[in-house]
Amino acid sequence: MADRRDPEPEPVTRPPVIASVAKLSPLQQAYSRYVTHANGCEHCRDVDRGRCGESERLWRAYRTHEEHAARGIAER
């Protein structure tokens, strides 16, 4: 089952999910900032330690944008 293939398979390459010219909404930008920080922060990545102060601030900013978006939809 672990036989080697000749030739080696080509690496899988995929186009980006979102085009680089696409503009994200403020809600998506806020979530992206939070996720980018949380994935790169040693403190946040340690499940036992919880989130750091910066992560908490970014999460609150995301939730604020989410609430504004939800209110905007509800008012339509």
PDB file of N, CA and C in Angstrom:
ATOM      1  N   MET A   1       0.810  -1.192   0.000  1.00  0.00           N
ATOM      2  CA  MET A   1       0.000   0.000   0.000  1.00  0.00           C
ATOM      3  C   MET A   1       0.855   1.260   0.000  1.00  0.00           C
ATOM      4  N   ALA A   2       2.041   1.183   0.558  1.00  0.00           N
ATOM      5  CA  ALA A   2       2.895   2.352   0.608  1.00  0.00           C
ATOM      6  C   ALA A   2       3.877   2.343  -0.556  1.00  0.00           C
ATOM      7  N   ASP A   3       3.501   1.691  -1.647  1.00  0.00           N
ATOM      8  CA  ASP A   3       4.391   1.638  -2.803  1.00  0.00           C
ATOM      9  C   ASP A   3       4.580   3.035  -3.374  1.00  0.00           C
ATOM     10  N   ARG A   4       5.779   3.258  -3.823  1.00  0.00           N
ATOM     11  CA  ARG A   4       6.099   4.552  -4.403  1.00  0.00           C
ATOM     12  C   ARG A   4       5.548   4.634  -5.821  1.00  0.00           C
ATOM     13  N   ARG A   5       5.026   5.787  -6.165  1.00  0.00           N
ATOM     14  CA  ARG A   5       4.499   5.997  -7.505  1.00  0.00           C
ATOM     15  C   ARG A   5       5.575   6.616  -8.380  1.00  0.00           C
ATOM     16  N   ASP A   6       5.585   6.196  -9.632  1.00  0.00           N
ATOM     17  CA  ASP A   6       6.486   6.822 -10.597  1.00  0.00           C
ATOM     18  C   ASP A   6       5.649   7.460 -11.670  1.00  0.00           C
ATOM     19  N   PRO A   7       5.787   8.683 -11.973  1.00  0.00           N
ATOM     20  CA  PRO A   7       6.528   9.720 -11.257  1.00  0.00           C
ATOM     21  C   PRO A   7       5.762  10.173 -10.016  1.00  0.00           C
ATOM     22  N   GLU A   8       6.437  10.934  -9.181  1.00  0.00           N
ATOM     23  CA  GLU A   8       5.805  11.462  -7.971  1.00  0.00           C
ATOM     24  C   GLU A   8       4.594  12.306  -8.357  1.00  0.00           C
ATOM     25  N   PRO A   9       3.517  12.226  -7.579  1.00  0.00           N
ATOM     26  CA  PRO A   9       2.340  13.042  -7.898  1.00  0.00           C
ATOM     27  C   PRO A   9       2.652  14.529  -7.750  1.00  0.00           C
ATOM     28  N   GLU A  10       2.024  15.321  -8.573  1.00  0.00           N
ATOM     29  CA  GLU A  10       2.201  16.766  -8.515  1.00  0.00           C
ATOM     30  C   GLU A  10       1.548  17.295  -7.239  1.00  0.00           C
ATOM     31  N   PRO A  11       2.153  18.313  -6.608  1.00  0.00           N
ATOM     32  CA  PRO A  11       1.520  18.892  -5.420  1.00  0.00           C
ATOM     33  C   PRO A  11       0.192  19.541  -5.794  1.00  0.00           C
ATOM     34  N   VAL A  12      -0.745  19.475  -4.872  1.00  0.00           N
ATOM     35  CA  VAL A  12      -2.063  20.050  -5.116  1.00  0.00           C
ATOM     36  C   VAL A  12      -1.952  21.558  -4.966  1.00  0.00           C
ATOM     37  N   THR A  13      -2.354  22.262  -5.981  1.00  0.00           N
ATOM     38  CA  THR A  13      -2.372  23.723  -5.912  1.00  0.00           C
ATOM     39  C   THR A  13      -3.788  24.174  -6.184  1.00  0.00           C
ATOM     40  N   ARG A  14      -4.237  25.063  -5.356  1.00  0.00           N
ATOM     41  CA  ARG A  14      -5.601  25.579  -5.492  1.00  0.00           C
ATOM     42  C   ARG A  14      -5.553  27.098  -5.567  1.00  0.00           C
ATOM     43  N   PRO A  15      -6.464  27.683  -6.298  1.00  0.00           N
ATOM     44  CA  PRO A  15      -6.521  29.146  -6.301  1.00  0.00           C
ATOM     45  C   PRO A  15      -7.011  29.630  -4.940  1.00  0.00           C
ATOM     46  N   PRO A  16      -6.694  30.851  -4.578  1.00  0.00           N
ATOM     47  CA  PRO A  16      -7.180  31.372  -3.297  1.00  0.00           C
ATOM     48  C   PRO A  16      -8.704  31.332  -3.239  1.00  0.00           C
ATOM     49  N   VAL A  17      -9.217  31.105  -2.039  1.00  0.00           N
ATOM     50  CA  VAL A  17     -10.666  31.032  -1.853  1.00  0.00           C
ATOM     51  C   VAL A  17     -11.301  32.381  -2.171  1.00  0.00           C
ATOM     52  N   ILE A  18     -10.660  33.444  -1.714  1.00  0.00           N
ATOM     53  CA  ILE A  18     -11.157  34.791  -1.982  1.00  0.00           C
ATOM     54  C   ILE A  18     -10.110  35.496  -2.831  1.00  0.00           C
ATOM     55  N   ALA A  19     -10.533  36.061  -3.920  1.00  0.00           N
ATOM     56  CA  ALA A  19      -9.594  36.768  -4.786  1.00  0.00           C
ATOM     57  C   ALA A  19      -8.949  37.913  -4.017  1.00  0.00           C
ATOM     58  N   SER A  20      -7.703  38.177  -4.332  1.00  0.00           N
ATOM     59  CA  SER A  20      -6.983  39.222  -3.608  1.00  0.00           C
ATOM     60  C   SER A  20      -7.582  40.606  -3.828  1.00  0.00           C
ATOM     61  N   VAL A  21      -8.352  40.779  -4.882  1.00  0.00           N
ATOM     62  CA  VAL A  21      -8.963  42.079  -5.142  1.00  0.00           C
ATOM     63  C   VAL A  21     -10.338  42.207  -4.475  1.00  0.00           C
ATOM     64  N   ALA A  22     -10.842  41.113  -3.915  1.00  0.00           N
ATOM     65  CA  ALA A  22     -12.156  41.159  -3.268  1.00  0.00           C
ATOM     66  C   ALA A  22     -12.067  41.981  -1.987  1.00  0.00           C
ATOM     67  N   LYS A  23     -13.085  42.752  -1.729  1.00  0.00           N
ATOM     68  CA  LYS A  23     -13.121  43.576  -0.521  1.00  0.00           C
ATOM     69  C   LYS A  23     -14.013  42.885   0.501  1.00  0.00           C
ATOM     70  N   LEU A  24     -13.446  42.656   1.678  1.00  0.00           N
ATOM     71  CA  LEU A  24     -14.212  42.026   2.749  1.00  0.00           C
ATOM     72  C   LEU A  24     -15.056  43.071   3.467  1.00  0.00           C
ATOM     73  N   SER A  25     -16.159  42.631   4.014  1.00  0.00           N
ATOM     74  CA  SER A  25     -17.002  43.518   4.801  1.00  0.00           C
ATOM     75  C   SER A  25     -16.284  43.814   6.122  1.00  0.00           C
ATOM     76  N   PRO A  26     -16.690  44.870   6.830  1.00  0.00           N
ATOM     77  CA  PRO A  26     -16.075  45.157   8.129  1.00  0.00           C
ATOM     78  C   PRO A  26     -16.185  43.973   9.098  1.00  0.00           C
ATOM     79  N   LEU A  27     -17.301  43.254   9.037  1.00  0.00           N
ATOM     80  CA  LEU A  27     -17.482  42.084   9.896  1.00  0.00           C
ATOM     81  C   LEU A  27     -16.452  41.008   9.563  1.00  0.00           C
ATOM     82  N   GLN A  28     -16.266  40.740   8.270  1.00  0.00           N
ATOM     83  CA  GLN A  28     -15.289  39.740   7.851  1.00  0.00           C
ATOM     84  C   GLN A  28     -13.868  40.175   8.190  1.00  0.00           C
ATOM     85  N   GLN A  29     -13.581  41.454   8.043  1.00  0.00           N
ATOM     86  CA  GLN A  29     -12.251  41.961   8.379  1.00  0.00           C
ATOM     87  C   GLN A  29     -11.971  41.795   9.870  1.00  0.00           C
ATOM     88  N   ALA A  30     -12.958  42.115  10.711  1.00  0.00           N
ATOM     89  CA  ALA A  30     -12.778  41.982  12.153  1.00  0.00           C
ATOM     90  C   ALA A  30     -12.542  40.525  12.544  1.00  0.00           C
ATOM     91  N   TYR A  31     -13.307  39.617  11.948  1.00  0.00           N
ATOM     92  CA  TYR A  31     -13.129  38.195  12.261  1.00  0.00           C
ATOM     93  C   TYR A  31     -11.772  37.708  11.765  1.00  0.00           C
ATOM     94  N   SER A  32     -11.360  38.174  10.599  1.00  0.00           N
ATOM     95  CA  SER A  32     -10.060  37.795  10.051  1.00  0.00           C
ATOM     96  C   SER A  32      -8.929  38.252  10.972  1.00  0.00           C
ATOM     97  N   ARG A  33      -9.031  39.477  11.499  1.00  0.00           N
ATOM     98  CA  ARG A  33      -8.007  39.961  12.434  1.00  0.00           C
ATOM     99  C   ARG A  33      -7.959  39.083  13.677  1.00  0.00           C
ATOM    100  N   TYR A  34      -9.128  38.707  14.202  1.00  0.00           N
ATOM    101  CA  TYR A  34      -9.170  37.856  15.387  1.00  0.00           C
ATOM    102  C   TYR A  34      -8.544  36.487  15.107  1.00  0.00           C
ATOM    103  N   VAL A  35      -8.947  35.841  14.018  1.00  0.00           N
ATOM    104  CA  VAL A  35      -8.458  34.501  13.690  1.00  0.00           C
ATOM    105  C   VAL A  35      -6.960  34.525  13.410  1.00  0.00           C
ATOM    106  N   THR A  36      -6.507  35.524  12.674  1.00  0.00           N
ATOM    107  CA  THR A  36      -5.085  35.636  12.369  1.00  0.00           C
ATOM    108  C   THR A  36      -4.278  35.753  13.655  1.00  0.00           C
ATOM    109  N   HIS A  37      -4.747  36.573  14.585  1.00  0.00           N
ATOM    110  CA  HIS A  37      -4.042  36.710  15.858  1.00  0.00           C
ATOM    111  C   HIS A  37      -4.086  35.403  16.647  1.00  0.00           C
ATOM    112  N   ALA A  38      -5.276  34.830  16.786  1.00  0.00           N
ATOM    113  CA  ALA A  38      -5.445  33.624  17.611  1.00  0.00           C
ATOM    114  C   ALA A  38      -4.622  32.455  17.081  1.00  0.00           C
ATOM    115  N   ASN A  39      -4.472  32.348  15.775  1.00  0.00           N
ATOM    116  CA  ASN A  39      -3.685  31.251  15.207  1.00  0.00           C
ATOM    117  C   ASN A  39      -2.189  31.461  15.352  1.00  0.00           C
ATOM    118  N   GLY A  40      -1.759  32.703  15.518  1.00  0.00           N
ATOM    119  CA  GLY A  40      -0.332  32.982  15.615  1.00  0.00           C
ATOM    120  C   GLY A  40       0.168  33.228  17.022  1.00  0.00           C
ATOM    121  N   CYS A  41      -0.714  33.427  17.972  1.00  0.00           N
ATOM    122  CA  CYS A  41      -0.328  33.763  19.343  1.00  0.00           C
ATOM    123  C   CYS A  41      -0.110  32.488  20.169  1.00  0.00           C
ATOM    124  N   GLU A  42       1.062  32.375  20.771  1.00  0.00           N
ATOM    125  CA  GLU A  42       1.372  31.195  21.583  1.00  0.00           C
ATOM    126  C   GLU A  42       0.389  31.061  22.757  1.00  0.00           C
ATOM    127  N   HIS A  43       0.054  32.171  23.377  1.00  0.00           N
ATOM    128  CA  HIS A  43      -0.863  32.147  24.519  1.00  0.00           C
ATOM    129  C   HIS A  43      -2.242  31.642  24.086  1.00  0.00           C
ATOM    130  N   CYS A  44      -2.737  32.159  22.974  1.00  0.00           N
ATOM    131  CA  CYS A  44      -4.074  31.780  22.501  1.00  0.00           C
ATOM    132  C   CYS A  44      -4.114  30.339  22.001  1.00  0.00           C
ATOM    133  N   ARG A  45      -3.016  29.863  21.450  1.00  0.00           N
ATOM    134  CA  ARG A  45      -2.988  28.505  20.907  1.00  0.00           C
ATOM    135  C   ARG A  45      -2.952  27.446  22.001  1.00  0.00           C
ATOM    136  N   ASP A  46      -2.556  27.824  23.211  1.00  0.00           N
ATOM    137  CA  ASP A  46      -2.527  26.889  24.330  1.00  0.00           C
ATOM    138  C   ASP A  46      -3.937  26.815  24.930  1.00  0.00           C
ATOM    139  N   VAL A  47      -4.593  25.685  24.755  1.00  0.00           N
ATOM    140  CA  VAL A  47      -5.984  25.524  25.185  1.00  0.00           C
ATOM    141  C   VAL A  47      -6.142  25.761  26.686  1.00  0.00           C
ATOM    142  N   ASP A  48      -5.160  25.382  27.466  1.00  0.00           N
ATOM    143  CA  ASP A  48      -5.253  25.503  28.918  1.00  0.00           C
ATOM    144  C   ASP A  48      -5.104  26.931  29.413  1.00  0.00           C
ATOM    145  N   ARG A  49      -4.522  27.808  28.612  1.00  0.00           N
ATOM    146  CA  ARG A  49      -4.278  29.176  29.056  1.00  0.00           C
ATOM    147  C   ARG A  49      -5.390  30.136  28.672  1.00  0.00           C
ATOM    148  N   GLY A  50      -6.218  29.778  27.729  1.00  0.00           N
ATOM    149  CA  GLY A  50      -7.287  30.680  27.294  1.00  0.00           C
ATOM    150  C   GLY A  50      -6.763  31.746  26.356  1.00  0.00           C
ATOM    151  N   ARG A  51      -7.538  32.815  26.183  1.00  0.00           N
ATOM    152  CA  ARG A  51      -7.161  33.878  25.257  1.00  0.00           C
ATOM    153  C   ARG A  51      -6.400  34.982  25.975  1.00  0.00           C
ATOM    154  N   CYS A  52      -5.515  35.641  25.226  1.00  0.00           N
ATOM    155  CA  CYS A  52      -4.763  36.763  25.776  1.00  0.00           C
ATOM    156  C   CYS A  52      -5.606  38.039  25.692  1.00  0.00           C
ATOM    157  N   GLY A  53      -5.102  39.115  26.249  1.00  0.00           N
ATOM    158  CA  GLY A  53      -5.822  40.387  26.249  1.00  0.00           C
ATOM    159  C   GLY A  53      -6.089  40.915  24.853  1.00  0.00           C
ATOM    160  N   GLU A  54      -5.107  40.802  23.964  1.00  0.00           N
ATOM    161  CA  GLU A  54      -5.290  41.265  22.585  1.00  0.00           C
ATOM    162  C   GLU A  54      -6.375  40.470  21.885  1.00  0.00           C
ATOM    163  N   SER A  55      -6.394  39.171  22.122  1.00  0.00           N
ATOM    164  CA  SER A  55      -7.412  38.314  21.523  1.00  0.00           C
ATOM    165  C   SER A  55      -8.796  38.694  22.043  1.00  0.00           C
ATOM    166  N   GLU A  56      -8.895  38.964  23.314  1.00  0.00           N
ATOM    167  CA  GLU A  56     -10.182  39.387  23.885  1.00  0.00           C
ATOM    168  C   GLU A  56     -10.652  40.694  23.249  1.00  0.00           C
ATOM    169  N   ARG A  57      -9.721  41.631  23.053  1.00  0.00           N
ATOM    170  CA  ARG A  57     -10.074  42.911  22.433  1.00  0.00           C
ATOM    171  C   ARG A  57     -10.556  42.700  21.000  1.00  0.00           C
ATOM    172  N   LEU A  58      -9.839  41.850  20.240  1.00  0.00           N
ATOM    173  CA  LEU A  58     -10.231  41.584  18.861  1.00  0.00           C
ATOM    174  C   LEU A  58     -11.582  40.859  18.793  1.00  0.00           C
ATOM    175  N   TRP A  59     -11.831  39.965  19.740  1.00  0.00           N
ATOM    176  CA  TRP A  59     -13.107  39.251  19.775  1.00  0.00           C
ATOM    177  C   TRP A  59     -14.259  40.216  20.066  1.00  0.00           C
ATOM    178  N   ARG A  60     -14.046  41.127  21.016  1.00  0.00           N
ATOM    179  CA  ARG A  60     -15.084  42.116  21.327  1.00  0.00           C
ATOM    180  C   ARG A  60     -15.358  43.008  20.115  1.00  0.00           C
ATOM    181  N   ALA A  61     -14.307  43.393  19.389  1.00  0.00           N
ATOM    182  CA  ALA A  61     -14.490  44.219  18.184  1.00  0.00           C
ATOM    183  C   ALA A  61     -15.300  43.453  17.143  1.00  0.00           C
ATOM    184  N   TYR A  62     -15.002  42.172  16.982  1.00  0.00           N
ATOM    185  CA  TYR A  62     -15.760  41.348  16.037  1.00  0.00           C
ATOM    186  C   TYR A  62     -17.227  41.275  16.455  1.00  0.00           C
ATOM    187  N   ARG A  63     -17.488  41.025  17.731  1.00  0.00           N
ATOM    188  CA  ARG A  63     -18.866  40.917  18.220  1.00  0.00           C
ATOM    189  C   ARG A  63     -19.619  42.239  18.039  1.00  0.00           C
ATOM    190  N   THR A  64     -18.918  43.357  18.216  1.00  0.00           N
ATOM    191  CA  THR A  64     -19.543  44.668  18.013  1.00  0.00           C
ATOM    192  C   THR A  64     -19.975  44.821  16.560  1.00  0.00           C
ATOM    193  N   HIS A  65     -19.088  44.458  15.627  1.00  0.00           N
ATOM    194  CA  HIS A  65     -19.435  44.517  14.204  1.00  0.00           C
ATOM    195  C   HIS A  65     -20.601  43.578  13.900  1.00  0.00           C
ATOM    196  N   GLU A  66     -20.592  42.420  14.532  1.00  0.00           N
ATOM    197  CA  GLU A  66     -21.669  41.448  14.309  1.00  0.00           C
ATOM    198  C   GLU A  66     -23.017  42.006  14.772  1.00  0.00           C
ATOM    199  N   GLU A  67     -23.018  42.640  15.931  1.00  0.00           N
ATOM    200  CA  GLU A  67     -24.263  43.217  16.454  1.00  0.00           C
ATOM    201  C   GLU A  67     -24.774  44.333  15.552  1.00  0.00           C
ATOM    202  N   HIS A  68     -23.857  45.185  15.057  1.00  0.00           N
ATOM    203  CA  HIS A  68     -24.258  46.259  14.143  1.00  0.00           C
ATOM    204  C   HIS A  68     -24.837  45.683  12.852  1.00  0.00           C
ATOM    205  N   ALA A  69     -24.204  44.638  12.342  1.00  0.00           N
ATOM    206  CA  ALA A  69     -24.701  44.003  11.101  1.00  0.00           C
ATOM    207  C   ALA A  69     -26.083  43.406  11.324  1.00  0.00           C
ATOM    208  N   ALA A  70     -26.263  42.734  12.461  1.00  0.00           N
ATOM    209  CA  ALA A  70     -27.553  42.116  12.748  1.00  0.00           C
ATOM    210  C   ALA A  70     -28.642  43.181  12.898  1.00  0.00           C
ATOM    211  N   ARG A  71     -28.305  44.295  13.548  1.00  0.00           N
ATOM    212  CA  ARG A  71     -29.277  45.387  13.688  1.00  0.00           C
ATOM    213  C   ARG A  71     -29.638  45.974  12.332  1.00  0.00           C
ATOM    214  N   GLY A  72     -28.640  46.102  11.468  1.00  0.00           N
ATOM    215  CA  GLY A  72     -28.895  46.628  10.131  1.00  0.00           C
ATOM    216  C   GLY A  72     -29.828  45.735   9.330  1.00  0.00           C
ATOM    217  N   ILE A  73     -29.675  44.426   9.476  1.00  0.00           N
ATOM    218  CA  ILE A  73     -30.551  43.493   8.773  1.00  0.00           C
ATOM    219  C   ILE A  73     -31.953  43.549   9.359  1.00  0.00           C
ATOM    220  N   ALA A  74     -32.046  43.621  10.689  1.00  0.00           N
ATOM    221  CA  ALA A  74     -33.344  43.628  11.352  1.00  0.00           C
ATOM    222  C   ALA A  74     -34.148  44.891  11.007  1.00  0.00           C
ATOM    223  N   GLU A  75     -33.462  45.987  10.709  1.00  0.00           N
ATOM    224  CA  GLU A  75     -34.145  47.246  10.420  1.00  0.00           C
ATOM    225  C   GLU A  75     -34.665  47.314   8.999  1.00  0.00           C
ATOM    226  N   ARG A  76     -34.275  46.391   8.164  1.00  0.00           N
ATOM    227  CA  ARG A  76     -34.728  46.429   6.759  1.00  0.00           C
ATOM    228  C   ARG A  76     -36.155  46.044   6.625  1.00  0.00           C
TER     229      ARG A  76
END
